[in-house]
C-alpha atoms as a PDB file:
ATOM      1  CA  MET A   1      11.996  22.622 -23.563  1.00  0.00           C
ATOM      2  CA  ALA A   2      11.381  18.910 -22.757  1.00  0.00           C
ATOM      3  CA  LYS A   3      14.281  17.263 -20.711  1.00  0.00           C
ATOM      4  CA  THR A   4      15.248  13.861 -19.659  1.00  0.00           C
ATOM      5  CA  TYR A   5      15.558  12.786 -15.964  1.00  0.00           C
ATOM      6  CA  ALA A   6      17.134   9.689 -14.286  1.00  0.00           C
ATOM      7  CA  ALA A   7      15.122   8.945 -11.366  1.00  0.00           C
ATOM      8  CA  ARG A   8      16.536   6.648  -8.746  1.00  0.00           C
ATOM      9  CA  PHE A   9      13.279   4.626  -6.617  1.00  0.00           C
ATOM     10  CA  GLN A  10      13.767   2.276  -3.940  1.00  0.00           C
ATOM     11  CA  CYS A  11      11.719  -0.591  -2.683  1.00  0.00           C
ATOM     12  CA  PRO A  12       9.739   0.715   0.839  1.00  0.00           C
ATOM     13  CA  TYR A  13      11.208  -2.892   1.993  1.00  0.00           C
ATOM     14  CA  GLY A  14      14.882  -2.040   1.153  1.00  0.00           C
ATOM     15  CA  ASP A  15      14.908  -4.946  -1.169  1.00  0.00           C
ATOM     16  CA  ALA A  16      15.395  -3.075  -4.486  1.00  0.00           C
ATOM     17  CA  ASP A  17      16.467  -0.140  -6.583  1.00  0.00           C
ATOM     18  CA  LYS A  18      15.178   0.599  -9.779  1.00  0.00           C
ATOM     19  CA  VAL A  19      16.380   3.961 -12.147  1.00  0.00           C
ATOM     20  CA  LEU A  20      13.916   4.944 -14.352  1.00  0.00           C
ATOM     21  CA  ILE A  21      14.506   7.310 -17.443  1.00  0.00           C
ATOM     22  CA  LEU A  22      11.783   9.793 -18.149  1.00  0.00           C
ATOM     23  CA  ARG A  23      12.077  11.069 -21.323  1.00  0.00           C
ATOM     24  CA  ASP A  24      11.005  14.177 -23.385  1.00  0.00           C
ATOM     25  CA  ARG A  25       9.454  15.364 -20.034  1.00  0.00           C
ATOM     26  CA  ASN A  26       7.859  19.283 -19.113  1.00  0.00           C
ATOM     27  CA  GLU A  27       7.858  19.077 -15.577  1.00  0.00           C
ATOM     28  CA  THR A  28      11.140  20.677 -13.309  1.00  0.00           C
ATOM     29  CA  LEU A  29      13.462  18.482 -11.322  1.00  0.00           C
ATOM     30  CA  GLU A  30      11.540  19.766  -8.445  1.00  0.00           C
ATOM     31  CA  GLN A  31       8.559  18.222  -9.601  1.00  0.00           C
ATOM     32  CA  ILE A  32       9.719  14.355 -11.103  1.00  0.00           C
ATOM     33  CA  GLN A  33      11.330  14.533  -7.325  1.00  0.00           C
ATOM     34  CA  LEU A  34       7.969  15.070  -5.637  1.00  0.00           C
ATOM     35  CA  SER A  35       6.053  12.605  -8.060  1.00  0.00           C
ATOM     36  CA  ALA A  36       5.491   9.459  -6.801  1.00  0.00           C
ATOM     37  CA  ARG A  37       5.632   6.744  -9.821  1.00  0.00           C
ATOM     38  CA  HIS A  38       4.814   3.187 -10.168  1.00  0.00           C
ATOM     39  CA  PHE A  39       8.222   0.799 -10.647  1.00  0.00           C
ATOM     40  CA  ASP A  40       8.463  -2.835 -10.519  1.00  0.00           C
ATOM     41  CA  CYS A  41      10.481  -4.258  -7.475  1.00  0.00           C
ATOM     42  CA  PRO A  42      11.408  -8.035  -8.302  1.00  0.00           C
ATOM     43  CA  THR A  43      10.623  -8.965  -4.718  1.00  0.00           C
ATOM     44  CA  HIS A  44       7.820  -7.427  -4.024  1.00  0.00           C
ATOM     45  CA  GLY A  45       5.914  -6.311  -7.209  1.00  0.00           C
ATOM     46  CA  VAL A  46       5.087  -3.062  -8.173  1.00  0.00           C
ATOM     47  CA  GLN A  47       5.884   0.223  -5.805  1.00  0.00           C
ATOM     48  CA  LEU A  48       4.447   3.647  -6.195  1.00  0.00           C
ATOM     49  CA  GLU A  49       7.131   5.673  -4.357  1.00  0.00           C
ATOM     50  CA  LEU A  50       8.601   9.134  -4.606  1.00  0.00           C
ATOM     51  CA  PRO A  51      12.651   9.054  -6.060  1.00  0.00           C
ATOM     52  CA  VAL A  52      15.180   8.882  -3.239  1.00  0.00           C
ATOM     53  CA  GLU A  53      17.497  10.590  -6.371  1.00  0.00           C
ATOM     54  CA  ALA A  54      16.406  12.218  -9.469  1.00  0.00           C
ATOM     55  CA  LYS A  55      18.822  14.192 -11.840  1.00  0.00           C
ATOM     56  CA  GLU A  56      18.512  16.114 -15.434  1.00  0.00           C
ATOM     57  CA  ILE A  57      20.549  14.055 -17.739  1.00  0.00           C
ATOM     58  CA  ASP A  58      22.015  13.956 -21.183  1.00  0.00           C
ATOM     59  CA  VAL A  59      20.885  10.719 -22.803  1.00  0.00           C
ATOM     60  CA  LEU A  60      24.267   9.285 -23.029  1.00  0.00           C
ATOM     61  CA  SER A  61      25.973  11.023 -20.110  1.00  0.00           C
ATOM     62  CA  THR A  62      28.564   8.741 -17.811  1.00  0.00           C
ATOM     63  CA  GLU A  63      26.506  10.457 -14.657  1.00  0.00           C
ATOM     64  CA  THR A  64      23.491   7.859 -15.854  1.00  0.00           C
ATOM     65  CA  LYS A  65      25.492   4.915 -16.446  1.00  0.00           C
ATOM     66  CA  SER A  66      26.917   5.611 -12.971  1.00  0.00           C
ATOM     67  CA  MET A  67      23.709   5.785 -11.647  1.00  0.00           C
ATOM     68  CA  ARG A  68      22.388   2.459 -13.244  1.00  0.00           C
ATOM     69  CA  LEU A  69      25.308   0.619 -11.879  1.00  0.00           C
ATOM     70  CA  ASP A  70      25.237   1.403  -8.657  1.00  0.00           C
ATOM     71  CA  THR A  71      21.524   0.234  -8.236  1.00  0.00           C
ATOM     72  CA  ALA A  72      22.845  -2.900 -10.319  1.00  0.00           C
ATOM     73  CA  ASN A  73      25.902  -3.397  -7.846  1.00  0.00           C
ATOM     74  CA  ALA A  74      23.220  -3.153  -4.205  1.00  0.00           C
ATOM     75  CA  HIS A  75      22.582  -6.278  -2.739  1.00  0.00           C
ATOM     76  CA  LYS A  76      19.208  -7.846  -3.043  1.00  0.00           C
ATOM     77  CA  ASP A  77      19.343  -8.758   0.911  1.00  0.00           C
ATOM     78  CA  GLN A  78      19.760  -5.555   1.869  1.00  0.00           C
ATOM     79  CA  ARG A  79      17.213  -3.864   4.009  1.00  0.00           C
ATOM     80  CA  ARG A  80      16.297  -1.081   5.939  1.00  0.00           C
ATOM     81  CA  SER A  81      15.666  -3.469   9.085  1.00  0.00           C
ATOM     82  CA  LYS A  82      15.515  -6.686   9.723  1.00  0.00           C
ATOM     83  CA  ARG A  83      12.469  -8.871   9.417  1.00  0.00           C
ATOM     84  CA  ILE A  84      11.346 -11.148  12.151  1.00  0.00           C
ATOM     85  CA  PRO A  85       8.426 -13.753  11.956  1.00  0.00           C
ATOM     86  CA  LEU A  86       6.123 -13.186  14.458  1.00  0.00           C
ATOM     87  CA  GLN A  87       2.127 -12.896  14.896  1.00  0.00           C
ATOM     88  CA  ILE A  88       1.269  -9.895  16.043  1.00  0.00           C
ATOM     89  CA  HIS A  89      -2.846  -9.361  16.723  1.00  0.00           C
ATOM     90  CA  VAL A  90      -3.748  -6.419  15.055  1.00  0.00           C
ATOM     91  CA  VAL A  91      -6.772  -4.196  13.796  1.00  0.00           C
ATOM     92  CA  VAL A  92      -6.540  -2.840  10.256  1.00  0.00           C
ATOM     93  CA  TYR A  93      -9.143  -0.031   9.249  1.00  0.00           C
ATOM     94  CA  GLY A  94      -9.464   1.529   5.905  1.00  0.00           C
ATOM     95  CA  ARG A  95     -11.820   2.240   2.687  1.00  0.00           C
ATOM     96  CA  VAL A  96     -13.181   0.231   0.035  1.00  0.00           C
ATOM     97  CA  GLY A  97     -13.996   2.741  -2.636  1.00  0.00           C
ATOM     98  CA  LYS A  98     -14.768   6.454  -1.649  1.00  0.00           C
ATOM     99  CA  SER A  99     -17.640   5.651   1.205  1.00  0.00           C
ATOM    100  CA  ALA A 100     -17.380   2.376   2.637  1.00  0.00           C
ATOM    101  CA  SER A 101     -14.874   1.511   5.500  1.00  0.00           C
ATOM    102  CA  PHE A 102     -13.741  -1.479   6.848  1.00  0.00           C
ATOM    103  CA  HIS A 103     -12.097  -2.827  10.158  1.00  0.00           C
ATOM    104  CA  GLU A 104     -10.314  -6.593  10.036  1.00  0.00           C
ATOM    105  CA  GLU A 105      -8.830  -7.903  12.897  1.00  0.00           C
ATOM    106  CA  THR A 106      -5.761 -10.299  11.633  1.00  0.00           C
ATOM    107  CA  SER A 107      -2.069 -11.170  13.014  1.00  0.00           C
ATOM    108  CA  THR A 108       1.041 -10.452  11.308  1.00  0.00           C
ATOM    109  CA  GLN A 109       2.994 -12.624   9.695  1.00  0.00           C
ATOM    110  CA  ILE A 110       6.580 -10.800   9.152  1.00  0.00           C
ATOM    111  CA  VAL A 111       7.289  -7.333  11.243  1.00  0.00           C
ATOM    112  CA  THR A 112      10.289  -4.950  10.444  1.00  0.00           C
ATOM    113  CA  SER A 113      10.755  -1.654  12.080  1.00  0.00           C
ATOM    114  CA  HIS A 114       9.613  -0.050   8.812  1.00  0.00           C
ATOM    115  CA  GLY A 115       6.135  -2.152   8.770  1.00  0.00           C
ATOM    116  CA  GLY A 116       5.269  -5.592   8.035  1.00  0.00           C
ATOM    117  CA  SER A 117       2.910  -8.057   6.090  1.00  0.00           C
ATOM    118  CA  LEU A 118      -0.338 -10.077   6.918  1.00  0.00           C
ATOM    119  CA  ALA A 119      -3.049 -11.569   5.313  1.00  0.00           C
ATOM    120  CA  LEU A 120      -6.719  -9.283   4.882  1.00  0.00           C
ATOM    121  CA  THR A 121      -9.839 -10.566   2.848  1.00  0.00           C
ATOM    122  CA  ALA A 122     -10.852  -6.795   2.230  1.00  0.00           C
ATOM    123  CA  PRO A 123      -9.827  -5.633  -0.975  1.00  0.00           C
ATOM    124  CA  VAL A 124      -6.937  -3.346  -0.872  1.00  0.00           C
ATOM    125  CA  LYS A 125      -5.394  -1.508  -3.305  1.00  0.00           C
ATOM    126  CA  LEU A 126      -1.407  -0.882  -4.186  1.00  0.00           C
ATOM    127  CA  GLY A 127      -0.955   2.681  -2.196  1.00  0.00           C
ATOM    128  CA  GLN A 128      -3.892   2.567  -0.372  1.00  0.00           C
ATOM    129  CA  SER A 129      -3.829   4.214   3.002  1.00  0.00           C
ATOM    130  CA  LEU A 130      -4.663   2.043   6.058  1.00  0.00           C
ATOM    131  CA  LEU A 131      -4.398   2.654   9.838  1.00  0.00           C
ATOM    132  CA  VAL A 132      -3.250  -0.359  12.218  1.00  0.00           C
ATOM    133  CA  VAL A 133      -3.879  -0.614  15.622  1.00  0.00           C
ATOM    134  CA  ASN A 134      -1.656  -3.110  17.890  1.00  0.00           C
ATOM    135  CA  LEU A 135      -4.175  -4.721  20.158  1.00  0.00           C
ATOM    136  CA  ALA A 136      -1.677  -5.542  22.460  1.00  0.00           C
ATOM    137  CA  THR A 137      -0.813  -2.199  23.225  1.00  0.00           C
ATOM    138  CA  ARG A 138      -3.519  -0.120  21.240  1.00  0.00           C
ATOM    139  CA  GLN A 139      -0.641   2.057  19.770  1.00  0.00           C
ATOM    140  CA  GLU A 140      -1.898   3.438  16.143  1.00  0.00           C
ATOM    141  CA  GLU A 141       0.026   3.081  13.507  1.00  0.00           C
ATOM    142  CA  GLU A 142      -0.388   5.133   9.495  1.00  0.00           C
ATOM    143  CA  CYS A 143       0.948   2.816   6.707  1.00  0.00           C
ATOM    144  CA  ARG A 144       0.348   1.947   3.351  1.00  0.00           C
ATOM    145  CA  VAL A 145      -0.142  -0.468   0.764  1.00  0.00           C
ATOM    146  CA  ALA A 146       3.550  -1.736  -0.441  1.00  0.00           C
ATOM    147  CA  SER A 147       2.245  -4.901  -1.882  1.00  0.00           C
ATOM    148  CA  VAL A 148      -0.869  -7.000  -2.861  1.00  0.00           C
ATOM    149  CA  LYS A 149      -0.625 -10.838  -3.678  1.00  0.00           C
ATOM    150  CA  PRO A 150      -3.765 -12.693  -3.533  1.00  0.00           C
ATOM    151  CA  LEU A 151      -3.243 -16.192  -2.053  1.00  0.00           C
ATOM    152  CA  ASP A 152      -5.937 -18.805  -1.640  1.00  0.00           C
ATOM    153  CA  GLY A 153      -9.091 -16.081  -0.966  1.00  0.00           C
ATOM    154  CA  VAL A 154      -7.136 -13.617   1.069  1.00  0.00           C
ATOM    155  CA  ASN A 155      -4.255 -11.064  -0.122  1.00  0.00           C
ATOM    156  CA  LYS A 156      -1.099 -11.109   1.590  1.00  0.00           C
ATOM    157  CA  VAL A 157      -0.709  -7.798   2.301  1.00  0.00           C
ATOM    158  CA  GLY A 158       3.342  -5.706   2.645  1.00  0.00           C
ATOM    159  CA  LEU A 159       2.401  -2.668   4.589  1.00  0.00           C
ATOM    160  CA  ALA A 160       4.949   0.551   5.067  1.00  0.00           C
ATOM    161  CA  PHE A 161       4.880   2.902   8.176  1.00  0.00           C
ATOM    162  CA  ARG A 162       4.326   6.777   6.631  1.00  0.00           C
ATOM    163  CA  ARG A 163       7.811   7.178   9.333  1.00  0.00           C
ATOM    164  CA  SER A 164       9.801   4.397  10.721  1.00  0.00           C
ATOM    165  CA  ALA A 165       7.954   2.905  14.004  1.00  0.00           C
ATOM    166  CA  PRO A 166      10.091   0.373  15.571  1.00  0.00           C
ATOM    167  CA  SER A 167       8.443   0.296  18.995  1.00  0.00           C
ATOM    168  CA  PHE A 168       5.194  -0.102  17.035  1.00  0.00           C
ATOM    169  CA  TRP A 169       5.399  -3.996  17.448  1.00  0.00           C
ATOM    170  CA  GLY A 170       6.991  -3.575  21.276  1.00  0.00           C
ATOM    171  CA  LEU A 171      10.427  -5.257  19.947  1.00  0.00           C
ATOM    172  CA  ASN A 172      14.094  -4.159  19.703  1.00  0.00           C
ATOM    173  CA  PHE A 173      14.797  -4.692  16.415  1.00  0.00           C
ATOM    174  CA  PRO A 174      18.658  -5.909  15.963  1.00  0.00           C
ATOM    175  CA  PRO A 175      20.706  -3.326  13.785  1.00  0.00           C
ATOM    176  CA  LEU A 176      21.411  -5.079  10.740  1.00  0.00           C
ATOM    177  CA  LYS A 177      25.079  -6.351   9.210  1.00  0.00           C
ATOM    178  CA  GLN A 178      26.371  -3.625   6.859  1.00  0.00           C
END
């Protein structure tokens, strides 16, 4: 029997939450919770994430309305970590298609304890896995492409680390004001 679910997704940069109503689904709640889905962050565009919360719902339930209200009341500037404009020289490794690989030396534009942004000429796709090497420390961190915006012949790429890595950039990130 088909069910309806409400799944809440969060932008990896912490800018926005989005609730998707998944109607007439044959999956279990566990399958819904383990399935990454695309959703539109108003700041960073389309993102691919696992839900941070999922519930089976009655379409007219107050629980769904509450979930939507919580999301609507979330502050747009609420983030998991502070953005710091900083140029750090890195090498980015990845794949173009199934066989061709690339590496590109570039510099960050913004860093956070959860990722950063930089410009790449290599064609990367949303959700793609990359390896970033900090040239100053030789530390490596696996990340995924969280956003891609074409800009003057290059792509402005937002990176989200697979796990929080505040020491990767060699900084002590200040706590966020709540």
